[in-house]
């Protein structure tokens, strides 16, 4: 099974992003993190072959294919690289994808953006 990577914008910066259905939370390299940050309860996570202690979250303004959306992410030093050696700038996990109805298809590398385009969501 393949993984879904996309070029998009985070805080108006070009970013290479992994959409990871196996990750619950979202993570972003510190260089892309916004100034809107808050402390969280400490937890440990393994990412890219390294272990990190996380104690902070931030709000991110993102854009994919000209469509804006926001997520909460945890700033982190580094997220590793893809199979070709390209540095990963952010990982969008299941919570961020569910919030905006982003549905990745790892077989094709595409993301269904229908809900994001319509901007209509069912909350209950």
PDB file of N, CA and C in Angstrom:
ATOM      1  N   UNK A   1       0.840  -1.174   0.000  1.00  0.00           N
ATOM      2  CA  UNK A   1       0.000   0.000   0.000  1.00  0.00           C
ATOM      3  C   UNK A   1       0.885   1.236   0.000  1.00  0.00           C
ATOM      4  N   UNK A   2       0.547   2.229  -0.784  1.00  0.00           N
ATOM      5  CA  UNK A   2       1.315   3.461  -0.873  1.00  0.00           C
ATOM      6  C   UNK A   2       0.913   4.445   0.208  1.00  0.00           C
ATOM      7  N   UNK A   3       1.643   5.527   0.248  1.00  0.00           N
ATOM      8  CA  UNK A   3       1.325   6.601   1.176  1.00  0.00           C
ATOM      9  C   UNK A   3       0.943   7.826   0.368  1.00  0.00           C
ATOM     10  N   UNK A   4       0.143   8.686   0.959  1.00  0.00           N
ATOM     11  CA  UNK A   4      -0.357   9.858   0.250  1.00  0.00           C
ATOM     12  C   UNK A   4       0.405  11.104   0.684  1.00  0.00           C
ATOM     13  N   UNK A   5       1.187  11.645  -0.233  1.00  0.00           N
ATOM     14  CA  UNK A   5       1.931  12.886  -0.023  1.00  0.00           C
ATOM     15  C   UNK A   5       1.366  13.947  -0.955  1.00  0.00           C
ATOM     16  N   UNK A   6       1.333  15.193  -0.493  1.00  0.00           N
ATOM     17  CA  UNK A   6       0.875  16.297  -1.332  1.00  0.00           C
ATOM     18  C   UNK A   6       1.709  17.544  -1.050  1.00  0.00           C
ATOM     19  N   UNK A   7       1.909  18.349  -2.092  1.00  0.00           N
ATOM     20  CA  UNK A   7       2.475  19.682  -1.932  1.00  0.00           C
ATOM     21  C   UNK A   7       1.310  20.600  -1.614  1.00  0.00           C
ATOM     22  N   UNK A   8       1.469  21.425  -0.599  1.00  0.00           N
ATOM     23  CA  UNK A   8       0.418  22.358  -0.216  1.00  0.00           C
ATOM     24  C   UNK A   8       1.058  23.524   0.527  1.00  0.00           C
ATOM     25  N   UNK A   9       0.254  24.407   1.065  1.00  0.00           N
ATOM     26  CA  UNK A   9       0.770  25.538   1.835  1.00  0.00           C
ATOM     27  C   UNK A   9       0.381  25.379   3.297  1.00  0.00           C
ATOM     28  N   UNK A  10       1.337  25.707   4.161  1.00  0.00           N
ATOM     29  CA  UNK A  10       1.085  25.791   5.596  1.00  0.00           C
ATOM     30  C   UNK A  10       1.595  27.151   6.046  1.00  0.00           C
ATOM     31  N   UNK A  11       0.704  27.947   6.612  1.00  0.00           N
ATOM     32  CA  UNK A  11       1.063  29.305   7.031  1.00  0.00           C
ATOM     33  C   UNK A  11       1.738  30.059   5.876  1.00  0.00           C
ATOM     34  N   UNK A  12       1.188  29.912   4.687  1.00  0.00           N
ATOM     35  CA  UNK A  12       1.657  30.572   3.456  1.00  0.00           C
ATOM     36  C   UNK A  12       3.040  30.142   2.996  1.00  0.00           C
ATOM     37  N   UNK A  13       3.540  29.004   3.472  1.00  0.00           N
ATOM     38  CA  UNK A  13       4.820  28.465   3.028  1.00  0.00           C
ATOM     39  C   UNK A  13       4.580  27.158   2.291  1.00  0.00           C
ATOM     40  N   UNK A  14       5.312  26.942   1.197  1.00  0.00           N
ATOM     41  CA  UNK A  14       5.212  25.681   0.464  1.00  0.00           C
ATOM     42  C   UNK A  14       5.686  24.540   1.360  1.00  0.00           C
ATOM     43  N   UNK A  15       4.887  23.466   1.413  1.00  0.00           N
ATOM     44  CA  UNK A  15       5.196  22.347   2.299  1.00  0.00           C
ATOM     45  C   UNK A  15       4.915  21.018   1.610  1.00  0.00           C
ATOM     46  N   UNK A  16       5.692  20.009   1.969  1.00  0.00           N
ATOM     47  CA  UNK A  16       5.504  18.638   1.498  1.00  0.00           C
ATOM     48  C   UNK A  16       4.886  17.869   2.664  1.00  0.00           C
ATOM     49  N   UNK A  17       3.670  17.361   2.471  1.00  0.00           N
ATOM     50  CA  UNK A  17       2.852  16.867   3.574  1.00  0.00           C
ATOM     51  C   UNK A  17       2.445  15.417   3.357  1.00  0.00           C
ATOM     52  N   UNK A  18       2.545  14.626   4.425  1.00  0.00           N
ATOM     53  CA  UNK A  18       2.058  13.251   4.440  1.00  0.00           C
ATOM     54  C   UNK A  18       0.681  13.232   5.072  1.00  0.00           C
ATOM     55  N   UNK A  19      -0.296  12.677   4.370  1.00  0.00           N
ATOM     56  CA  UNK A  19      -1.629  12.449   4.917  1.00  0.00           C
ATOM     57  C   UNK A  19      -1.623  11.008   5.430  1.00  0.00           C
ATOM     58  N   UNK A  20      -1.602  10.864   6.748  1.00  0.00           N
ATOM     59  CA  UNK A  20      -1.367   9.564   7.378  1.00  0.00           C
ATOM     60  C   UNK A  20      -2.600   9.086   8.132  1.00  0.00           C
ATOM     61  N   UNK A  21      -3.339   8.139   7.532  1.00  0.00           N
ATOM     62  CA  UNK A  21      -4.536   7.600   8.181  1.00  0.00           C
ATOM     63  C   UNK A  21      -4.191   6.761   9.401  1.00  0.00           C
ATOM     64  N   UNK A  22      -2.938   6.374   9.555  1.00  0.00           N
ATOM     65  CA  UNK A  22      -2.506   5.609  10.711  1.00  0.00           C
ATOM     66  C   UNK A  22      -2.120   6.469  11.897  1.00  0.00           C
ATOM     67  N   UNK A  23      -2.060   7.776  11.704  1.00  0.00           N
ATOM     68  CA  UNK A  23      -1.731   8.708  12.789  1.00  0.00           C
ATOM     69  C   UNK A  23      -3.010   9.397  13.250  1.00  0.00           C
ATOM     70  N   UNK A  24      -3.211   9.464  14.535  1.00  0.00           N
ATOM     71  CA  UNK A  24      -4.383  10.152  15.074  1.00  0.00           C
ATOM     72  C   UNK A  24      -4.179  11.664  15.030  1.00  0.00           C
ATOM     73  N   UNK A  25      -3.022  12.113  15.502  1.00  0.00           N
ATOM     74  CA  UNK A  25      -2.723  13.539  15.609  1.00  0.00           C
ATOM     75  C   UNK A  25      -1.956  14.045  14.382  1.00  0.00           C
ATOM     76  N   UNK A  26      -1.849  15.364  14.294  1.00  0.00           N
ATOM     77  CA  UNK A  26      -1.076  16.001  13.230  1.00  0.00           C
ATOM     78  C   UNK A  26       0.185  16.615  13.829  1.00  0.00           C
ATOM     79  N   UNK A  27       1.240  16.654  13.018  1.00  0.00           N
ATOM     80  CA  UNK A  27       2.538  17.176  13.443  1.00  0.00           C
ATOM     81  C   UNK A  27       3.089  18.081  12.357  1.00  0.00           C
ATOM     82  N   UNK A  28       3.887  19.065  12.755  1.00  0.00           N
ATOM     83  CA  UNK A  28       4.457  20.006  11.808  1.00  0.00           C
ATOM     84  C   UNK A  28       5.874  20.351  12.252  1.00  0.00           C
ATOM     85  N   UNK A  29       6.770  20.486  11.284  1.00  0.00           N
ATOM     86  CA  UNK A  29       8.114  20.949  11.625  1.00  0.00           C
ATOM     87  C   UNK A  29       8.010  22.337  12.243  1.00  0.00           C
ATOM     88  N   UNK A  30       8.852  22.592  13.234  1.00  0.00           N
ATOM     89  CA  UNK A  30       8.769  23.849  13.978  1.00  0.00           C
ATOM     90  C   UNK A  30       8.862  25.078  13.074  1.00  0.00           C
ATOM     91  N   UNK A  31       9.591  24.963  11.963  1.00  0.00           N
ATOM     92  CA  UNK A  31       9.714  26.111  11.051  1.00  0.00           C
ATOM     93  C   UNK A  31       8.381  26.504  10.419  1.00  0.00           C
ATOM     94  N   UNK A  32       7.420  25.591  10.396  1.00  0.00           N
ATOM     95  CA  UNK A  32       6.114  25.851   9.795  1.00  0.00           C
ATOM     96  C   UNK A  32       5.040  26.162  10.833  1.00  0.00           C
ATOM     97  N   UNK A  33       5.356  26.001  12.107  1.00  0.00           N
ATOM     98  CA  UNK A  33       4.369  26.205  13.173  1.00  0.00           C
ATOM     99  C   UNK A  33       3.988  27.679  13.272  1.00  0.00           C
ATOM    100  N   UNK A  34       2.725  27.921  13.568  1.00  0.00           N
ATOM    101  CA  UNK A  34       2.257  29.292  13.728  1.00  0.00           C
ATOM    102  C   UNK A  34       2.658  29.824  15.102  1.00  0.00           C
ATOM    103  N   UNK A  35       2.431  31.104  15.301  1.00  0.00           N
ATOM    104  CA  UNK A  35       2.692  31.728  16.594  1.00  0.00           C
ATOM    105  C   UNK A  35       1.561  31.442  17.586  1.00  0.00           C
ATOM    106  N   UNK A  36       0.434  30.943  17.083  1.00  0.00           N
ATOM    107  CA  UNK A  36      -0.699  30.615  17.949  1.00  0.00           C
ATOM    108  C   UNK A  36      -0.431  29.236  18.540  1.00  0.00           C
ATOM    109  N   UNK A  37       0.081  29.234  19.783  1.00  0.00           N
ATOM    110  CA  UNK A  37       0.500  27.983  20.433  1.00  0.00           C
ATOM    111  C   UNK A  37      -0.018  27.925  21.857  1.00  0.00           C
ATOM    112  N   UNK A  38      -0.132  26.707  22.352  1.00  0.00           N
ATOM    113  CA  UNK A  38      -0.537  26.488  23.725  1.00  0.00           C
ATOM    114  C   UNK A  38       0.086  25.201  24.245  1.00  0.00           C
ATOM    115  N   UNK A  39       0.269  25.155  25.552  1.00  0.00           N
ATOM    116  CA  UNK A  39       0.844  23.977  26.212  1.00  0.00           C
ATOM    117  C   UNK A  39      -0.197  22.862  26.261  1.00  0.00           C
ATOM    118  N   UNK A  40       0.272  21.625  26.132  1.00  0.00           N
ATOM    119  CA  UNK A  40      -0.582  20.452  26.252  1.00  0.00           C
ATOM    120  C   UNK A  40       0.003  19.522  27.308  1.00  0.00           C
ATOM    121  N   UNK A  41      -0.754  18.521  27.667  1.00  0.00           N
ATOM    122  CA  UNK A  41      -0.223  17.503  28.568  1.00  0.00           C
ATOM    123  C   UNK A  41       0.857  16.730  27.838  1.00  0.00           C
ATOM    124  N   UNK A  42       1.954  16.490  28.515  1.00  0.00           N
ATOM    125  CA  UNK A  42       3.113  15.823  27.937  1.00  0.00           C
ATOM    126  C   UNK A  42       2.773  14.402  27.490  1.00  0.00           C
ATOM    127  N   UNK A  43       3.226  14.048  26.274  1.00  0.00           N
ATOM    128  CA  UNK A  43       3.143  12.661  25.814  1.00  0.00           C
ATOM    129  C   UNK A  43       4.349  12.379  24.935  1.00  0.00           C
ATOM    130  N   UNK A  44       4.645  11.093  24.747  1.00  0.00           N
ATOM    131  CA  UNK A  44       5.755  10.668  23.906  1.00  0.00           C
ATOM    132  C   UNK A  44       5.200  10.054  22.632  1.00  0.00           C
ATOM    133  N   UNK A  45       5.926  10.271  21.524  1.00  0.00           N
ATOM    134  CA  UNK A  45       5.507   9.720  20.235  1.00  0.00           C
ATOM    135  C   UNK A  45       6.745   9.330  19.437  1.00  0.00           C
ATOM    136  N   UNK A  46       6.624   8.259  18.683  1.00  0.00           N
ATOM    137  CA  UNK A  46       7.681   7.854  17.773  1.00  0.00           C
ATOM    138  C   UNK A  46       7.325   8.272  16.361  1.00  0.00           C
ATOM    139  N   UNK A  47       8.202   9.032  15.716  1.00  0.00           N
ATOM    140  CA  UNK A  47       7.972   9.522  14.350  1.00  0.00           C
ATOM    141  C   UNK A  47       9.292   9.470  13.592  1.00  0.00           C
ATOM    142  N   UNK A  48       9.248   8.922  12.393  1.00  0.00           N
ATOM    143  CA  UNK A  48      10.428   8.914  11.534  1.00  0.00           C
ATOM    144  C   UNK A  48      11.620   8.205  12.151  1.00  0.00           C
ATOM    145  N   UNK A  49      11.362   7.212  12.994  1.00  0.00           N
ATOM    146  CA  UNK A  49      12.446   6.471  13.624  1.00  0.00           C
ATOM    147  C   UNK A  49      13.019   7.126  14.874  1.00  0.00           C
ATOM    148  N   UNK A  50      12.424   8.230  15.312  1.00  0.00           N
ATOM    149  CA  UNK A  50      12.886   8.944  16.499  1.00  0.00           C
ATOM    150  C   UNK A  50      11.754   9.064  17.517  1.00  0.00           C
ATOM    151  N   UNK A  51      12.125   9.232  18.775  1.00  0.00           N
ATOM    152  CA  UNK A  51      11.154   9.417  19.840  1.00  0.00           C
ATOM    153  C   UNK A  51      11.170  10.878  20.285  1.00  0.00           C
ATOM    154  N   UNK A  52       9.983  11.450  20.471  1.00  0.00           N
ATOM    155  CA  UNK A  52       9.860  12.855  20.868  1.00  0.00           C
ATOM    156  C   UNK A  52       8.933  12.984  22.061  1.00  0.00           C
ATOM    157  N   UNK A  53       9.206  13.978  22.902  1.00  0.00           N
ATOM    158  CA  UNK A  53       8.286  14.366  23.953  1.00  0.00           C
ATOM    159  C   UNK A  53       7.547  15.600  23.457  1.00  0.00           C
ATOM    160  N   UNK A  54       6.232  15.525  23.466  1.00  0.00           N
ATOM    161  CA  UNK A  54       5.386  16.596  22.936  1.00  0.00           C
ATOM    162  C   UNK A  54       4.683  17.283  24.097  1.00  0.00           C
ATOM    163  N   UNK A  55       4.755  18.616  24.144  1.00  0.00           N
ATOM    164  CA  UNK A  55       4.075  19.359  25.202  1.00  0.00           C
ATOM    165  C   UNK A  55       3.455  20.658  24.679  1.00  0.00           C
ATOM    166  N   UNK A  56       3.251  20.738  23.356  1.00  0.00           N
ATOM    167  CA  UNK A  56       2.766  21.975  22.755  1.00  0.00           C
ATOM    168  C   UNK A  56       1.914  21.667  21.522  1.00  0.00           C
ATOM    169  N   UNK A  57       0.914  22.506  21.282  1.00  0.00           N
ATOM    170  CA  UNK A  57       0.093  22.440  20.072  1.00  0.00           C
ATOM    171  C   UNK A  57       0.074  23.815  19.427  1.00  0.00           C
ATOM    172  N   UNK A  58      -0.303  23.843  18.146  1.00  0.00           N
ATOM    173  CA  UNK A  58      -0.453  25.128  17.465  1.00  0.00           C
ATOM    174  C   UNK A  58      -1.598  25.038  16.454  1.00  0.00           C
ATOM    175  N   UNK A  59      -2.128  26.182  16.104  1.00  0.00           N
ATOM    176  CA  UNK A  59      -3.158  26.274  15.073  1.00  0.00           C
ATOM    177  C   UNK A  59      -2.463  26.560  13.747  1.00  0.00           C
ATOM    178  N   UNK A  60      -2.860  25.853  12.695  1.00  0.00           N
ATOM    179  CA  UNK A  60      -2.255  26.042  11.377  1.00  0.00           C
ATOM    180  C   UNK A  60      -3.303  26.404  10.339  1.00  0.00           C
ATOM    181  N   UNK A  61      -3.015  27.411   9.546  1.00  0.00           N
ATOM    182  CA  UNK A  61      -3.805  27.700   8.359  1.00  0.00           C
ATOM    183  C   UNK A  61      -3.137  26.984   7.196  1.00  0.00           C
ATOM    184  N   UNK A  62      -3.918  26.157   6.494  1.00  0.00           N
ATOM    185  CA  UNK A  62      -3.398  25.340   5.409  1.00  0.00           C
ATOM    186  C   UNK A  62      -4.171  25.618   4.124  1.00  0.00           C
ATOM    187  N   UNK A  63      -3.568  25.236   3.004  1.00  0.00           N
ATOM    188  CA  UNK A  63      -4.226  25.380   1.704  1.00  0.00           C
ATOM    189  C   UNK A  63      -3.777  24.243   0.802  1.00  0.00           C
ATOM    190  N   UNK A  64      -4.762  23.557   0.213  1.00  0.00           N
ATOM    191  CA  UNK A  64      -4.488  22.502  -0.748  1.00  0.00           C
ATOM    192  C   UNK A  64      -5.355  22.742  -1.978  1.00  0.00           C
ATOM    193  N   UNK A  65      -4.723  22.782  -3.131  1.00  0.00           N
ATOM    194  CA  UNK A  65      -5.407  23.040  -4.402  1.00  0.00           C
ATOM    195  C   UNK A  65      -6.288  24.290  -4.323  1.00  0.00           C
ATOM    196  N   UNK A  66      -5.773  25.328  -3.653  1.00  0.00           N
ATOM    197  CA  UNK A  66      -6.488  26.599  -3.554  1.00  0.00           C
ATOM    198  C   UNK A  66      -7.595  26.633  -2.520  1.00  0.00           C
ATOM    199  N   UNK A  67      -7.764  25.545  -1.757  1.00  0.00           N
ATOM    200  CA  UNK A  67      -8.826  25.450  -0.756  1.00  0.00           C
ATOM    201  C   UNK A  67      -8.225  25.568   0.641  1.00  0.00           C
ATOM    202  N   UNK A  68      -8.692  26.541   1.403  1.00  0.00           N
ATOM    203  CA  UNK A  68      -8.167  26.770   2.737  1.00  0.00           C
ATOM    204  C   UNK A  68      -8.849  25.925   3.793  1.00  0.00           C
ATOM    205  N   UNK A  69      -8.072  25.552   4.810  1.00  0.00           N
ATOM    206  CA  UNK A  69      -8.617  24.844   5.972  1.00  0.00           C
ATOM    207  C   UNK A  69      -7.643  25.032   7.130  1.00  0.00           C
ATOM    208  N   UNK A  70      -8.100  24.725   8.335  1.00  0.00           N
ATOM    209  CA  UNK A  70      -7.236  24.868   9.499  1.00  0.00           C
ATOM    210  C   UNK A  70      -7.198  23.555  10.280  1.00  0.00           C
ATOM    211  N   UNK A  71      -6.071  23.322  10.942  1.00  0.00           N
ATOM    212  CA  UNK A  71      -5.924  22.148  11.788  1.00  0.00           C
ATOM    213  C   UNK A  71      -5.137  22.512  13.034  1.00  0.00           C
ATOM    214  N   UNK A  72      -5.182  21.638  14.004  1.00  0.00           N
ATOM    215  CA  UNK A  72      -4.322  21.715  15.178  1.00  0.00           C
ATOM    216  C   UNK A  72      -3.192  20.721  14.959  1.00  0.00           C
ATOM    217  N   UNK A  73      -1.973  21.135  15.241  1.00  0.00           N
ATOM    218  CA  UNK A  73      -0.821  20.244  15.063  1.00  0.00           C
ATOM    219  C   UNK A  73       0.171  20.456  16.198  1.00  0.00           C
ATOM    220  N   UNK A  74       1.037  19.476  16.363  1.00  0.00           N
ATOM    221  CA  UNK A  74       2.082  19.547  17.382  1.00  0.00           C
ATOM    222  C   UNK A  74       3.414  19.870  16.702  1.00  0.00           C
ATOM    223  N   UNK A  75       4.042  20.992  17.068  1.00  0.00           N
ATOM    224  CA  UNK A  75       5.353  21.325  16.504  1.00  0.00           C
ATOM    225  C   UNK A  75       6.405  20.304  16.948  1.00  0.00           C
ATOM    226  N   UNK A  76       7.289  19.955  16.014  1.00  0.00           N
ATOM    227  CA  UNK A  76       8.298  18.929  16.280  1.00  0.00           C
ATOM    228  C   UNK A  76       9.558  19.280  15.488  1.00  0.00           C
ATOM    229  N   UNK A  77      10.696  18.846  15.951  1.00  0.00           N
ATOM    230  CA  UNK A  77      11.964  19.180  15.290  1.00  0.00           C
ATOM    231  C   UNK A  77      12.033  18.662  13.856  1.00  0.00           C
ATOM    232  N   UNK A  78      11.756  17.391  13.654  1.00  0.00           N
ATOM    233  CA  UNK A  78      11.862  16.814  12.321  1.00  0.00           C
ATOM    234  C   UNK A  78      10.931  15.638  12.154  1.00  0.00           C
ATOM    235  N   UNK A  79      10.499  15.422  10.925  1.00  0.00           N
ATOM    236  CA  UNK A  79       9.551  14.349  10.639  1.00  0.00           C
ATOM    237  C   UNK A  79      10.115  13.291   9.699  1.00  0.00           C
ATOM    238  N   UNK A  80      11.381  13.388   9.382  1.00  0.00           N
ATOM    239  CA  UNK A  80      11.984  12.407   8.495  1.00  0.00           C
ATOM    240  C   UNK A  80      11.790  12.753   7.030  1.00  0.00           C
ATOM    241  N   UNK A  81      12.027  11.754   6.183  1.00  0.00           N
ATOM    242  CA  UNK A  81      11.939  11.934   4.733  1.00  0.00           C
ATOM    243  C   UNK A  81      11.091  10.829   4.119  1.00  0.00           C
ATOM    244  N   UNK A  82      10.680  11.058   2.878  1.00  0.00           N
ATOM    245  CA  UNK A  82       9.975  10.005   2.154  1.00  0.00           C
ATOM    246  C   UNK A  82      10.998   9.054   1.534  1.00  0.00           C
ATOM    247  N   UNK A  83      10.517   8.107   0.731  1.00  0.00           N
ATOM    248  CA  UNK A  83      11.387   7.098   0.138  1.00  0.00           C
ATOM    249  C   UNK A  83      12.435   7.674  -0.808  1.00  0.00           C
ATOM    250  N   UNK A  84      12.177   8.864  -1.351  1.00  0.00           N
ATOM    251  CA  UNK A  84      13.118   9.520  -2.270  1.00  0.00           C
ATOM    252  C   UNK A  84      14.057  10.483  -1.560  1.00  0.00           C
ATOM    253  N   UNK A  85      13.890  10.594  -0.244  1.00  0.00           N
ATOM    254  CA  UNK A  85      14.750  11.493   0.521  1.00  0.00           C
ATOM    255  C   UNK A  85      14.218  12.901   0.667  1.00  0.00           C
ATOM    256  N   UNK A  86      12.991  13.161   0.223  1.00  0.00           N
ATOM    257  CA  UNK A  86      12.414  14.503   0.363  1.00  0.00           C
ATOM    258  C   UNK A  86      11.935  14.706   1.802  1.00  0.00           C
ATOM    259  N   UNK A  87      12.323  15.828   2.377  1.00  0.00           N
ATOM    260  CA  UNK A  87      11.974  16.131   3.763  1.00  0.00           C
ATOM    261  C   UNK A  87      10.462  16.338   3.901  1.00  0.00           C
ATOM    262  N   UNK A  88       9.884  15.721   4.918  1.00  0.00           N
ATOM    263  CA  UNK A  88       8.458  15.856   5.211  1.00  0.00           C
ATOM    264  C   UNK A  88       8.285  17.043   6.160  1.00  0.00           C
ATOM    265  N   UNK A  89       7.425  17.989   5.765  1.00  0.00           N
ATOM    266  CA  UNK A  89       7.221  19.197   6.550  1.00  0.00           C
ATOM    267  C   UNK A  89       6.076  19.064   7.552  1.00  0.00           C
ATOM    268  N   UNK A  90       5.117  18.186   7.262  1.00  0.00           N
ATOM    269  CA  UNK A  90       3.985  17.997   8.173  1.00  0.00           C
ATOM    270  C   UNK A  90       3.364  16.632   7.934  1.00  0.00           C
ATOM    271  N   UNK A  91       2.730  16.137   8.981  1.00  0.00           N
ATOM    272  CA  UNK A  91       1.920  14.929   8.903  1.00  0.00           C
ATOM    273  C   UNK A  91       0.521  15.327   9.338  1.00  0.00           C
ATOM    274  N   UNK A  92      -0.446  15.134   8.469  1.00  0.00           N
ATOM    275  CA  UNK A  92      -1.834  15.386   8.850  1.00  0.00           C
ATOM    276  C   UNK A  92      -2.451  14.046   9.202  1.00  0.00           C
ATOM    277  N   UNK A  93      -2.893  13.928  10.452  1.00  0.00           N
ATOM    278  CA  UNK A  93      -3.459  12.700  10.959  1.00  0.00           C
ATOM    279  C   UNK A  93      -4.969  12.639  10.785  1.00  0.00           C
ATOM    280  N   UNK A  94      -5.543  11.571  11.312  1.00  0.00           N
ATOM    281  CA  UNK A  94      -6.966  11.281  11.119  1.00  0.00           C
ATOM    282  C   UNK A  94      -7.879  12.383  11.645  1.00  0.00           C
ATOM    283  N   UNK A  95      -7.553  12.990  12.786  1.00  0.00           N
ATOM    284  CA  UNK A  95      -8.413  14.040  13.333  1.00  0.00           C
ATOM    285  C   UNK A  95      -8.492  15.233  12.383  1.00  0.00           C
ATOM    286  N   UNK A  96      -7.357  15.681  11.860  1.00  0.00           N
ATOM    287  CA  UNK A  96      -7.350  16.800  10.912  1.00  0.00           C
ATOM    288  C   UNK A  96      -8.075  16.478   9.625  1.00  0.00           C
ATOM    289  N   UNK A  97      -7.878  15.246   9.124  1.00  0.00           N
ATOM    290  CA  UNK A  97      -8.571  14.848   7.887  1.00  0.00           C
ATOM    291  C   UNK A  97     -10.072  14.749   8.105  1.00  0.00           C
ATOM    292  N   UNK A  98     -10.478  14.182   9.246  1.00  0.00           N
ATOM    293  CA  UNK A  98     -11.912  14.034   9.527  1.00  0.00           C
ATOM    294  C   UNK A  98     -12.580  15.393   9.672  1.00  0.00           C
ATOM    295  N   UNK A  99     -11.897  16.322  10.300  1.00  0.00           N
ATOM    296  CA  UNK A  99     -12.458  17.660  10.520  1.00  0.00           C
ATOM    297  C   UNK A  99     -12.920  18.304   9.214  1.00  0.00           C
ATOM    298  N   UNK A 100     -12.146  18.091   8.141  1.00  0.00           N
ATOM    299  CA  UNK A 100     -12.434  18.744   6.864  1.00  0.00           C
ATOM    300  C   UNK A 100     -12.883  17.771   5.770  1.00  0.00           C
ATOM    301  N   UNK A 101     -13.112  16.518   6.117  1.00  0.00           N
ATOM    302  CA  UNK A 101     -13.598  15.548   5.132  1.00  0.00           C
ATOM    303  C   UNK A 101     -12.571  15.213   4.065  1.00  0.00           C
ATOM    304  N   UNK A 102     -11.286  15.253   4.418  1.00  0.00           N
ATOM    305  CA  UNK A 102     -10.225  14.922   3.473  1.00  0.00           C
ATOM    306  C   UNK A 102     -10.047  13.405   3.457  1.00  0.00           C
ATOM    307  N   UNK A 103     -10.197  12.790   2.282  1.00  0.00           N
ATOM    308  CA  UNK A 103     -10.130  11.337   2.191  1.00  0.00           C
ATOM    309  C   UNK A 103      -8.998  10.935   1.254  1.00  0.00           C
ATOM    310  N   UNK A 104      -7.870  10.467   1.823  1.00  0.00           N
ATOM    311  CA  UNK A 104      -6.739  10.060   0.977  1.00  0.00           C
ATOM    312  C   UNK A 104      -6.975   8.685   0.363  1.00  0.00           C
ATOM    313  N   UNK A 105      -6.439   8.491  -0.827  1.00  0.00           N
ATOM    314  CA  UNK A 105      -6.451   7.182  -1.488  1.00  0.00           C
ATOM    315  C   UNK A 105      -4.998   6.804  -1.747  1.00  0.00           C
ATOM    316  N   UNK A 106      -4.411   5.983  -0.863  1.00  0.00           N
ATOM    317  CA  UNK A 106      -2.996   5.659  -1.014  1.00  0.00           C
ATOM    318  C   UNK A 106      -2.679   4.867  -2.281  1.00  0.00           C
ATOM    319  N   UNK A 107      -3.674   4.231  -2.896  1.00  0.00           N
ATOM    320  CA  UNK A 107      -3.424   3.494  -4.147  1.00  0.00           C
ATOM    321  C   UNK A 107      -3.103   4.447  -5.293  1.00  0.00           C
ATOM    322  N   UNK A 108      -3.762   5.614  -5.300  1.00  0.00           N
ATOM    323  CA  UNK A 108      -3.564   6.568  -6.391  1.00  0.00           C
ATOM    324  C   UNK A 108      -2.749   7.795  -5.968  1.00  0.00           C
ATOM    325  N   UNK A 109      -2.605   8.010  -4.656  1.00  0.00           N
ATOM    326  CA  UNK A 109      -1.910   9.194  -4.166  1.00  0.00           C
ATOM    327  C   UNK A 109      -2.781  10.440  -4.198  1.00  0.00           C
ATOM    328  N   UNK A 110      -4.075  10.272  -4.455  1.00  0.00           N
ATOM    329  CA  UNK A 110      -4.981  11.420  -4.532  1.00  0.00           C
ATOM    330  C   UNK A 110      -5.708  11.617  -3.203  1.00  0.00           C
ATOM    331  N   UNK A 111      -6.338  12.776  -3.072  1.00  0.00           N
ATOM    332  CA  UNK A 111      -7.151  13.077  -1.895  1.00  0.00           C
ATOM    333  C   UNK A 111      -8.493  13.588  -2.389  1.00  0.00           C
ATOM    334  N   UNK A 112      -9.560  12.985  -1.896  1.00  0.00           N
ATOM    335  CA  UNK A 112     -10.912  13.436  -2.228  1.00  0.00           C
ATOM    336  C   UNK A 112     -11.172  14.720  -1.439  1.00  0.00           C
ATOM    337  N   UNK A 113     -11.350  15.820  -2.145  1.00  0.00           N
ATOM    338  CA  UNK A 113     -11.555  17.128  -1.528  1.00  0.00           C
ATOM    339  C   UNK A 113     -12.999  17.605  -1.666  1.00  0.00           C
ATOM    340  N   UNK A 114     -13.922  16.692  -1.965  1.00  0.00           N
ATOM    341  CA  UNK A 114     -15.319  17.054  -2.218  1.00  0.00           C
ATOM    342  C   UNK A 114     -15.914  17.851  -1.065  1.00  0.00           C
ATOM    343  N   UNK A 115     -15.784  17.365   0.164  1.00  0.00           N
ATOM    344  CA  UNK A 115     -16.368  18.061   1.320  1.00  0.00           C
ATOM    345  C   UNK A 115     -15.713  19.426   1.523  1.00  0.00           C
ATOM    346  N   UNK A 116     -14.418  19.507   1.319  1.00  0.00           N
ATOM    347  CA  UNK A 116     -13.716  20.784   1.481  1.00  0.00           C
ATOM    348  C   UNK A 116     -14.182  21.787   0.435  1.00  0.00           C
ATOM    349  N   UNK A 117     -14.408  21.314  -0.785  1.00  0.00           N
ATOM    350  CA  UNK A 117     -14.908  22.211  -1.844  1.00  0.00           C
ATOM    351  C   UNK A 117     -16.310  22.708  -1.525  1.00  0.00           C
ATOM    352  N   UNK A 118     -17.186  21.801  -1.074  1.00  0.00           N
ATOM    353  CA  UNK A 118     -18.573  22.171  -0.782  1.00  0.00           C
ATOM    354  C   UNK A 118     -18.697  23.016   0.470  1.00  0.00           C
ATOM    355  N   UNK A 119     -17.769  22.775   1.420  1.00  0.00           N
ATOM    356  CA  UNK A 119     -17.802  23.462   2.717  1.00  0.00           C
ATOM    357  C   UNK A 119     -19.121  23.210   3.431  1.00  0.00           C
ATOM    358  N   UNK A 120     -19.625  21.991   3.273  1.00  0.00           N
ATOM    359  CA  UNK A 120     -20.819  21.554   3.969  1.00  0.00           C
ATOM    360  C   UNK A 120     -20.479  20.304   4.756  1.00  0.00           C
ATOM    361  N   UNK A 121     -20.725  20.344   6.060  1.00  0.00           N
ATOM    362  CA  UNK A 121     -20.330  19.242   6.924  1.00  0.00           C
ATOM    363  C   UNK A 121     -21.496  18.825   7.810  1.00  0.00           C
ATOM    364  N   UNK A 122     -21.566  17.544   8.087  1.00  0.00           N
ATOM    365  CA  UNK A 122     -22.573  17.015   8.997  1.00  0.00           C
ATOM    366  C   UNK A 122     -21.900  16.816  10.347  1.00  0.00           C
ATOM    367  N   UNK A 123     -22.394  17.492  11.349  1.00  0.00           N
ATOM    368  CA  UNK A 123     -21.770  17.432  12.668  1.00  0.00           C
ATOM    369  C   UNK A 123     -22.477  16.465  13.606  1.00  0.00           C
ATOM    370  N   UNK A 124     -23.725  16.114  13.325  1.00  0.00           N
ATOM    371  CA  UNK A 124     -24.447  15.229  14.224  1.00  0.00           C
ATOM    372  C   UNK A 124     -25.299  14.282  13.413  1.00  0.00           C
TER     373      UNK A 124
END
